């Protein structure tokens, strides 16, 4: 997968990945995000854009452009959850589905689309670096490919998570933020609930996003997006 807003093109061979059989080599799978949409599946040809739902003006907004305040152990979110200071994530660990992957920053490109992670690396996740960092108050966006044109990728088994499963984000400040899965939901891309997925939160939350559904050769995109909703433990 590639990460936060845009889309691309496939090939013709049938391949089978960790999420099952898909017709055609998987290229870029677009997912709704930030200003436009986010590509979540790896590939080479990025010539085609697919229709994507509108996004909130400031998804998961946070005071990310300001210097981080000193860590205050007493700081809590609305539900009494401890809030960590801003810090760049460095590694995502999801034991239940054997994910152990480094992060790359995702930014919005010249065309207003969140650029995806490099498609050639199957074990890489990206986070929207202008939004909340994992553990900070707000909604942190983490995206990964479900597969690439050659093999299954980092989020190939994301749909196997269950409510109550835990995953950890290791951060540059040496702290680790542990999250608990609240739910997994699959949305058709033309009915993607952007406000719900990307909207700000009053506690530290994370959205893990990848592509799902069937691969549509005509649209050069997957039909759905899988979103894992989670909160800081």
C-alpha atoms as a PDB file:
ATOM      1  CA  UNK A   1       0.000   0.000   0.000  1.00  0.00           C
ATOM      2  CA  UNK A   2       0.967   3.622  -0.297  1.00  0.00           C
ATOM      3  CA  UNK A   3      -0.113   6.163   2.274  1.00  0.00           C
ATOM      4  CA  UNK A   4      -2.423   9.301   2.880  1.00  0.00           C
ATOM      5  CA  UNK A   5      -4.513  11.067  -0.306  1.00  0.00           C
ATOM      6  CA  UNK A   6      -4.382   9.804  -4.168  1.00  0.00           C
ATOM      7  CA  UNK A   7      -4.741   6.826  -6.614  1.00  0.00           C
ATOM      8  CA  UNK A   8      -3.051   4.783  -9.502  1.00  0.00           C
ATOM      9  CA  UNK A   9      -3.013   1.870 -11.993  1.00  0.00           C
ATOM     10  CA  UNK A  10      -2.607  -1.996 -12.221  1.00  0.00           C
ATOM     11  CA  UNK A  11      -1.612  -4.822 -14.519  1.00  0.00           C
ATOM     12  CA  UNK A  12      -3.298  -7.947 -15.800  1.00  0.00           C
ATOM     13  CA  UNK A  13      -1.999 -11.029 -14.017  1.00  0.00           C
ATOM     14  CA  UNK A  14      -4.026 -12.722 -11.309  1.00  0.00           C
ATOM     15  CA  UNK A  15      -2.379 -12.761  -7.906  1.00  0.00           C
ATOM     16  CA  UNK A  16      -3.322 -14.049  -4.497  1.00  0.00           C
ATOM     17  CA  UNK A  17      -2.337 -12.132  -1.367  1.00  0.00           C
ATOM     18  CA  UNK A  18      -2.840 -12.356   2.374  1.00  0.00           C
ATOM     19  CA  UNK A  19      -6.364 -11.004   1.854  1.00  0.00           C
ATOM     20  CA  UNK A  20      -7.309 -13.534  -0.737  1.00  0.00           C
ATOM     21  CA  UNK A  21      -7.555 -13.691  -4.511  1.00  0.00           C
ATOM     22  CA  UNK A  22      -7.584 -10.453  -6.481  1.00  0.00           C
ATOM     23  CA  UNK A  23      -7.667 -10.081 -10.229  1.00  0.00           C
ATOM     24  CA  UNK A  24      -4.731  -8.169 -11.608  1.00  0.00           C
ATOM     25  CA  UNK A  25      -1.501  -6.971 -10.077  1.00  0.00           C
ATOM     26  CA  UNK A  26      -2.333  -4.606  -7.262  1.00  0.00           C
ATOM     27  CA  UNK A  27      -1.176  -1.098  -7.939  1.00  0.00           C
ATOM     28  CA  UNK A  28      -2.239   1.908  -5.953  1.00  0.00           C
ATOM     29  CA  UNK A  29      -5.374   1.689  -3.872  1.00  0.00           C
ATOM     30  CA  UNK A  30      -6.838   5.095  -3.098  1.00  0.00           C
ATOM     31  CA  UNK A  31      -8.276   5.808   0.311  1.00  0.00           C
ATOM     32  CA  UNK A  32     -10.129   8.895   1.443  1.00  0.00           C
ATOM     33  CA  UNK A  33      -8.008  11.113   3.668  1.00  0.00           C
ATOM     34  CA  UNK A  34      -7.079  14.683   4.482  1.00  0.00           C
ATOM     35  CA  UNK A  35      -7.923  17.068   1.652  1.00  0.00           C
ATOM     36  CA  UNK A  36      -8.591  14.515  -1.070  1.00  0.00           C
ATOM     37  CA  UNK A  37      -7.797  10.841  -0.500  1.00  0.00           C
ATOM     38  CA  UNK A  38      -5.057   8.419   0.397  1.00  0.00           C
ATOM     39  CA  UNK A  39      -3.422   5.677  -1.666  1.00  0.00           C
ATOM     40  CA  UNK A  40      -3.095   2.563   0.422  1.00  0.00           C
ATOM     41  CA  UNK A  41      -1.872  -0.227  -1.800  1.00  0.00           C
ATOM     42  CA  UNK A  42       1.455  -0.384  -3.559  1.00  0.00           C
ATOM     43  CA  UNK A  43       2.102  -0.342  -7.251  1.00  0.00           C
ATOM     44  CA  UNK A  44       4.028   1.329 -10.032  1.00  0.00           C
ATOM     45  CA  UNK A  45       1.695   3.134 -12.406  1.00  0.00           C
ATOM     46  CA  UNK A  46       0.173   6.176 -10.739  1.00  0.00           C
ATOM     47  CA  UNK A  47      -1.469   7.638 -13.797  1.00  0.00           C
ATOM     48  CA  UNK A  48      -5.106   7.183 -12.857  1.00  0.00           C
ATOM     49  CA  UNK A  49      -7.096   8.818 -10.108  1.00  0.00           C
ATOM     50  CA  UNK A  50     -10.301   7.243  -8.871  1.00  0.00           C
ATOM     51  CA  UNK A  51     -13.250   9.071  -7.375  1.00  0.00           C
ATOM     52  CA  UNK A  52     -12.847   9.657  -3.655  1.00  0.00           C
ATOM     53  CA  UNK A  53     -15.172  11.017  -1.003  1.00  0.00           C
ATOM     54  CA  UNK A  54     -14.731  14.552   0.349  1.00  0.00           C
ATOM     55  CA  UNK A  55     -12.614  14.931   3.442  1.00  0.00           C
ATOM     56  CA  UNK A  56     -12.974  17.213   6.431  1.00  0.00           C
ATOM     57  CA  UNK A  57     -10.935  20.393   6.144  1.00  0.00           C
ATOM     58  CA  UNK A  58      -8.708  19.517   9.092  1.00  0.00           C
ATOM     59  CA  UNK A  59      -8.792  15.772   9.803  1.00  0.00           C
ATOM     60  CA  UNK A  60      -7.400  14.822  13.190  1.00  0.00           C
ATOM     61  CA  UNK A  61      -6.255  18.360  13.757  1.00  0.00           C
ATOM     62  CA  UNK A  62      -3.686  19.024  16.406  1.00  0.00           C
ATOM     63  CA  UNK A  63      -1.367  21.861  17.341  1.00  0.00           C
ATOM     64  CA  UNK A  64       1.344  19.986  15.472  1.00  0.00           C
ATOM     65  CA  UNK A  65       3.035  23.058  14.097  1.00  0.00           C
ATOM     66  CA  UNK A  66       3.737  24.395  17.572  1.00  0.00           C
ATOM     67  CA  UNK A  67       6.593  23.158  19.774  1.00  0.00           C
ATOM     68  CA  UNK A  68       5.600  20.288  22.066  1.00  0.00           C
ATOM     69  CA  UNK A  69       4.908  21.272  25.633  1.00  0.00           C
ATOM     70  CA  UNK A  70       6.980  19.569  28.348  1.00  0.00           C
ATOM     71  CA  UNK A  71       5.584  16.145  29.265  1.00  0.00           C
ATOM     72  CA  UNK A  72       3.011  16.418  32.001  1.00  0.00           C
ATOM     73  CA  UNK A  73       2.214  13.017  33.571  1.00  0.00           C
ATOM     74  CA  UNK A  74      -1.030  14.456  34.899  1.00  0.00           C
ATOM     75  CA  UNK A  75      -2.279  15.455  31.459  1.00  0.00           C
ATOM     76  CA  UNK A  76      -5.356  13.427  30.533  1.00  0.00           C
ATOM     77  CA  UNK A  77      -7.918  13.258  27.793  1.00  0.00           C
ATOM     78  CA  UNK A  78     -11.654  13.669  28.247  1.00  0.00           C
ATOM     79  CA  UNK A  79     -12.080  10.086  29.460  1.00  0.00           C
ATOM     80  CA  UNK A  80      -9.198  10.285  31.917  1.00  0.00           C
ATOM     81  CA  UNK A  81      -6.736   8.602  29.539  1.00  0.00           C
ATOM     82  CA  UNK A  82      -3.129   9.707  29.941  1.00  0.00           C
ATOM     83  CA  UNK A  83      -1.970  11.894  27.054  1.00  0.00           C
ATOM     84  CA  UNK A  84       1.582  11.713  25.734  1.00  0.00           C
ATOM     85  CA  UNK A  85       3.462  14.707  24.337  1.00  0.00           C
ATOM     86  CA  UNK A  86       4.046  14.973  20.623  1.00  0.00           C
ATOM     87  CA  UNK A  87       6.736  12.613  19.337  1.00  0.00           C
ATOM     88  CA  UNK A  88       7.448  11.007  15.990  1.00  0.00           C
ATOM     89  CA  UNK A  89       6.489   7.314  15.732  1.00  0.00           C
ATOM     90  CA  UNK A  90       9.335   4.996  14.756  1.00  0.00           C
ATOM     91  CA  UNK A  91       7.902   1.476  14.784  1.00  0.00           C
ATOM     92  CA  UNK A  92       4.505  -0.238  14.692  1.00  0.00           C
ATOM     93  CA  UNK A  93       4.134  -3.601  16.451  1.00  0.00           C
ATOM     94  CA  UNK A  94       0.943  -5.660  16.089  1.00  0.00           C
ATOM     95  CA  UNK A  95       1.707  -9.110  17.587  1.00  0.00           C
ATOM     96  CA  UNK A  96      -1.646 -10.632  16.632  1.00  0.00           C
ATOM     97  CA  UNK A  97      -0.877 -10.328  12.912  1.00  0.00           C
ATOM     98  CA  UNK A  98       2.936 -10.396  13.057  1.00  0.00           C
ATOM     99  CA  UNK A  99       3.457  -6.751  12.093  1.00  0.00           C
ATOM    100  CA  UNK A 100       6.797  -5.221  13.034  1.00  0.00           C
ATOM    101  CA  UNK A 101       7.352  -2.268  10.725  1.00  0.00           C
ATOM    102  CA  UNK A 102       9.126   1.091  10.655  1.00  0.00           C
ATOM    103  CA  UNK A 103       7.346   4.360   9.886  1.00  0.00           C
ATOM    104  CA  UNK A 104       7.763   6.894   7.152  1.00  0.00           C
ATOM    105  CA  UNK A 105       6.274  10.399   7.176  1.00  0.00           C
ATOM    106  CA  UNK A 106       3.401  11.104   4.812  1.00  0.00           C
ATOM    107  CA  UNK A 107       2.749  14.587   3.489  1.00  0.00           C
ATOM    108  CA  UNK A 108       0.379  16.312   1.095  1.00  0.00           C
ATOM    109  CA  UNK A 109       1.827  16.696  -2.384  1.00  0.00           C
ATOM    110  CA  UNK A 110       1.599  19.497  -4.937  1.00  0.00           C
ATOM    111  CA  UNK A 111      -1.820  18.340  -6.126  1.00  0.00           C
ATOM    112  CA  UNK A 112      -3.302  18.392  -2.638  1.00  0.00           C
ATOM    113  CA  UNK A 113      -3.105  14.643  -2.169  1.00  0.00           C
ATOM    114  CA  UNK A 114      -1.519  12.813   0.716  1.00  0.00           C
ATOM    115  CA  UNK A 115       1.352  10.903  -0.785  1.00  0.00           C
ATOM    116  CA  UNK A 116       1.608   7.146  -0.120  1.00  0.00           C
ATOM    117  CA  UNK A 117       4.603   5.271   1.312  1.00  0.00           C
ATOM    118  CA  UNK A 118       7.057   3.854  -1.214  1.00  0.00           C
ATOM    119  CA  UNK A 119       5.341   1.001  -3.031  1.00  0.00           C
ATOM    120  CA  UNK A 120       8.510  -1.056  -3.288  1.00  0.00           C
ATOM    121  CA  UNK A 121       8.799  -1.645   0.473  1.00  0.00           C
ATOM    122  CA  UNK A 122       6.274  -4.252   1.644  1.00  0.00           C
ATOM    123  CA  UNK A 123       7.123  -3.777   5.318  1.00  0.00           C
ATOM    124  CA  UNK A 124       6.564  -0.065   5.844  1.00  0.00           C
ATOM    125  CA  UNK A 125       3.749   2.024   7.312  1.00  0.00           C
ATOM    126  CA  UNK A 126       3.189   5.745   7.042  1.00  0.00           C
ATOM    127  CA  UNK A 127       1.614   8.340   9.291  1.00  0.00           C
ATOM    128  CA  UNK A 128       0.215  11.748   8.430  1.00  0.00           C
ATOM    129  CA  UNK A 129       2.999  13.825   9.944  1.00  0.00           C
ATOM    130  CA  UNK A 130       0.973  17.063  10.152  1.00  0.00           C
ATOM    131  CA  UNK A 131      -1.692  15.387  12.274  1.00  0.00           C
ATOM    132  CA  UNK A 132      -1.608  14.043  15.803  1.00  0.00           C
ATOM    133  CA  UNK A 133       1.251  11.703  16.651  1.00  0.00           C
ATOM    134  CA  UNK A 134       0.314   8.311  18.168  1.00  0.00           C
ATOM    135  CA  UNK A 135      -0.332   8.849  21.880  1.00  0.00           C
ATOM    136  CA  UNK A 136      -0.957  12.575  21.506  1.00  0.00           C
ATOM    137  CA  UNK A 137      -4.510  13.856  22.018  1.00  0.00           C
ATOM    138  CA  UNK A 138      -6.378  13.657  18.728  1.00  0.00           C
ATOM    139  CA  UNK A 139      -6.718  11.253  15.817  1.00  0.00           C
ATOM    140  CA  UNK A 140      -3.516   9.812  14.417  1.00  0.00           C
ATOM    141  CA  UNK A 141      -3.658   8.408  10.880  1.00  0.00           C
ATOM    142  CA  UNK A 142      -1.547   5.351  10.039  1.00  0.00           C
ATOM    143  CA  UNK A 143      -1.767   3.764   6.596  1.00  0.00           C
ATOM    144  CA  UNK A 144      -0.183   0.760   4.969  1.00  0.00           C
ATOM    145  CA  UNK A 145      -0.379  -1.336   1.805  1.00  0.00           C
ATOM    146  CA  UNK A 146      -2.408  -4.527   1.774  1.00  0.00           C
ATOM    147  CA  UNK A 147      -0.273  -5.812  -1.085  1.00  0.00           C
ATOM    148  CA  UNK A 148       1.987  -4.749  -3.904  1.00  0.00           C
ATOM    149  CA  UNK A 149       2.297  -5.953  -7.468  1.00  0.00           C
ATOM    150  CA  UNK A 150       4.618  -8.726  -6.314  1.00  0.00           C
ATOM    151  CA  UNK A 151       3.496  -9.847  -2.861  1.00  0.00           C
ATOM    152  CA  UNK A 152       1.409  -9.340   0.237  1.00  0.00           C
ATOM    153  CA  UNK A 153       2.358  -6.239   2.242  1.00  0.00           C
ATOM    154  CA  UNK A 154       2.412  -4.997   5.810  1.00  0.00           C
ATOM    155  CA  UNK A 155      -1.392  -4.750   6.279  1.00  0.00           C
ATOM    156  CA  UNK A 156      -2.284  -7.959   4.414  1.00  0.00           C
ATOM    157  CA  UNK A 157      -3.757  -9.449   7.608  1.00  0.00           C
ATOM    158  CA  UNK A 158      -5.195  -6.280   9.122  1.00  0.00           C
ATOM    159  CA  UNK A 159      -8.715  -7.687   8.765  1.00  0.00           C
ATOM    160  CA  UNK A 160      -7.809 -10.477  11.210  1.00  0.00           C
ATOM    161  CA  UNK A 161      -7.655  -8.140  14.203  1.00  0.00           C
ATOM    162  CA  UNK A 162     -10.450  -8.353  16.767  1.00  0.00           C
ATOM    163  CA  UNK A 163     -11.958  -5.930  19.242  1.00  0.00           C
ATOM    164  CA  UNK A 164      -9.763  -5.869  22.337  1.00  0.00           C
ATOM    165  CA  UNK A 165      -6.530  -6.742  20.527  1.00  0.00           C
ATOM    166  CA  UNK A 166      -3.607  -4.494  21.381  1.00  0.00           C
ATOM    167  CA  UNK A 167      -0.826  -2.985  19.326  1.00  0.00           C
ATOM    168  CA  UNK A 168       2.094  -0.731  20.183  1.00  0.00           C
ATOM    169  CA  UNK A 169       3.709   2.288  18.606  1.00  0.00           C
ATOM    170  CA  UNK A 170       7.308   2.921  19.604  1.00  0.00           C
ATOM    171  CA  UNK A 171       8.151   6.629  19.577  1.00  0.00           C
ATOM    172  CA  UNK A 172      11.263   8.731  19.071  1.00  0.00           C
ATOM    173  CA  UNK A 173      11.086   9.961  22.680  1.00  0.00           C
ATOM    174  CA  UNK A 174      11.647   6.418  23.950  1.00  0.00           C
ATOM    175  CA  UNK A 175       8.058   5.920  25.090  1.00  0.00           C
ATOM    176  CA  UNK A 176       5.736   3.271  23.691  1.00  0.00           C
ATOM    177  CA  UNK A 177       2.030   3.991  23.194  1.00  0.00           C
ATOM    178  CA  UNK A 178      -0.224   0.946  23.501  1.00  0.00           C
ATOM    179  CA  UNK A 179      -3.592   0.998  21.754  1.00  0.00           C
ATOM    180  CA  UNK A 180      -6.688  -1.160  22.112  1.00  0.00           C
ATOM    181  CA  UNK A 181      -8.791  -2.026  19.081  1.00  0.00           C
ATOM    182  CA  UNK A 182     -12.364  -0.735  19.381  1.00  0.00           C
ATOM    183  CA  UNK A 183     -13.698  -1.955  16.041  1.00  0.00           C
ATOM    184  CA  UNK A 184     -12.909  -2.875  12.441  1.00  0.00           C
ATOM    185  CA  UNK A 185     -15.141  -1.485   9.734  1.00  0.00           C
ATOM    186  CA  UNK A 186     -15.136  -1.728   5.965  1.00  0.00           C
ATOM    187  CA  UNK A 187     -16.500   1.165   3.922  1.00  0.00           C
ATOM    188  CA  UNK A 188     -17.269   1.448   0.232  1.00  0.00           C
ATOM    189  CA  UNK A 189     -15.058   4.210  -1.114  1.00  0.00           C
ATOM    190  CA  UNK A 190     -17.999   6.112  -2.540  1.00  0.00           C
ATOM    191  CA  UNK A 191     -19.630   6.094   0.924  1.00  0.00           C
ATOM    192  CA  UNK A 192     -16.524   6.718   3.029  1.00  0.00           C
ATOM    193  CA  UNK A 193     -17.419   8.519   6.315  1.00  0.00           C
ATOM    194  CA  UNK A 194     -14.549  11.001   6.278  1.00  0.00           C
ATOM    195  CA  UNK A 195     -15.695  13.053   9.249  1.00  0.00           C
ATOM    196  CA  UNK A 196     -15.995   9.973  11.418  1.00  0.00           C
ATOM    197  CA  UNK A 197     -12.695   8.437  10.379  1.00  0.00           C
ATOM    198  CA  UNK A 198     -10.537  11.550  10.210  1.00  0.00           C
ATOM    199  CA  UNK A 199     -12.325  13.841  12.637  1.00  0.00           C
ATOM    200  CA  UNK A 200     -10.542  15.074  15.738  1.00  0.00           C
ATOM    201  CA  UNK A 201     -10.906  13.210  19.044  1.00  0.00           C
ATOM    202  CA  UNK A 202     -10.818  14.367  22.652  1.00  0.00           C
ATOM    203  CA  UNK A 203      -8.495  11.516  23.606  1.00  0.00           C
ATOM    204  CA  UNK A 204      -5.527   9.799  21.892  1.00  0.00           C
ATOM    205  CA  UNK A 205      -6.896   7.621  19.078  1.00  0.00           C
ATOM    206  CA  UNK A 206      -5.475   5.892  16.024  1.00  0.00           C
ATOM    207  CA  UNK A 207      -6.921   4.832  12.691  1.00  0.00           C
ATOM    208  CA  UNK A 208      -5.159   2.022  10.832  1.00  0.00           C
ATOM    209  CA  UNK A 209      -6.207   2.175   7.183  1.00  0.00           C
ATOM    210  CA  UNK A 210      -5.717  -0.036   4.160  1.00  0.00           C
ATOM    211  CA  UNK A 211      -7.597  -1.163   1.070  1.00  0.00           C
ATOM    212  CA  UNK A 212     -10.193  -3.904   0.997  1.00  0.00           C
ATOM    213  CA  UNK A 213     -12.859  -5.415  -1.197  1.00  0.00           C
ATOM    214  CA  UNK A 214     -12.395  -6.323  -4.851  1.00  0.00           C
ATOM    215  CA  UNK A 215      -9.904  -4.837  -7.251  1.00  0.00           C
ATOM    216  CA  UNK A 216     -11.733  -2.930  -9.977  1.00  0.00           C
ATOM    217  CA  UNK A 217      -9.648  -2.972 -13.174  1.00  0.00           C
ATOM    218  CA  UNK A 218     -11.763  -0.296 -14.803  1.00  0.00           C
ATOM    219  CA  UNK A 219     -11.433   2.127 -11.901  1.00  0.00           C
ATOM    220  CA  UNK A 220      -7.874   0.942 -11.196  1.00  0.00           C
ATOM    221  CA  UNK A 221      -8.645   0.831  -7.511  1.00  0.00           C
ATOM    222  CA  UNK A 222     -10.048  -1.335  -4.744  1.00  0.00           C
ATOM    223  CA  UNK A 223     -13.726  -0.954  -3.997  1.00  0.00           C
ATOM    224  CA  UNK A 224     -13.445  -0.521  -0.217  1.00  0.00           C
ATOM    225  CA  UNK A 225     -11.297   0.672   2.645  1.00  0.00           C
ATOM    226  CA  UNK A 226     -10.736  -1.190   5.896  1.00  0.00           C
ATOM    227  CA  UNK A 227     -10.420   1.026   8.971  1.00  0.00           C
ATOM    228  CA  UNK A 228      -9.321  -0.125  12.423  1.00  0.00           C
ATOM    229  CA  UNK A 229     -10.498   2.222  15.183  1.00  0.00           C
ATOM    230  CA  UNK A 230      -8.383   2.179  18.366  1.00  0.00           C
ATOM    231  CA  UNK A 231      -7.709   4.235  21.474  1.00  0.00           C
ATOM    232  CA  UNK A 232      -4.728   4.640  23.814  1.00  0.00           C
ATOM    233  CA  UNK A 233      -4.812   2.025  26.583  1.00  0.00           C
END
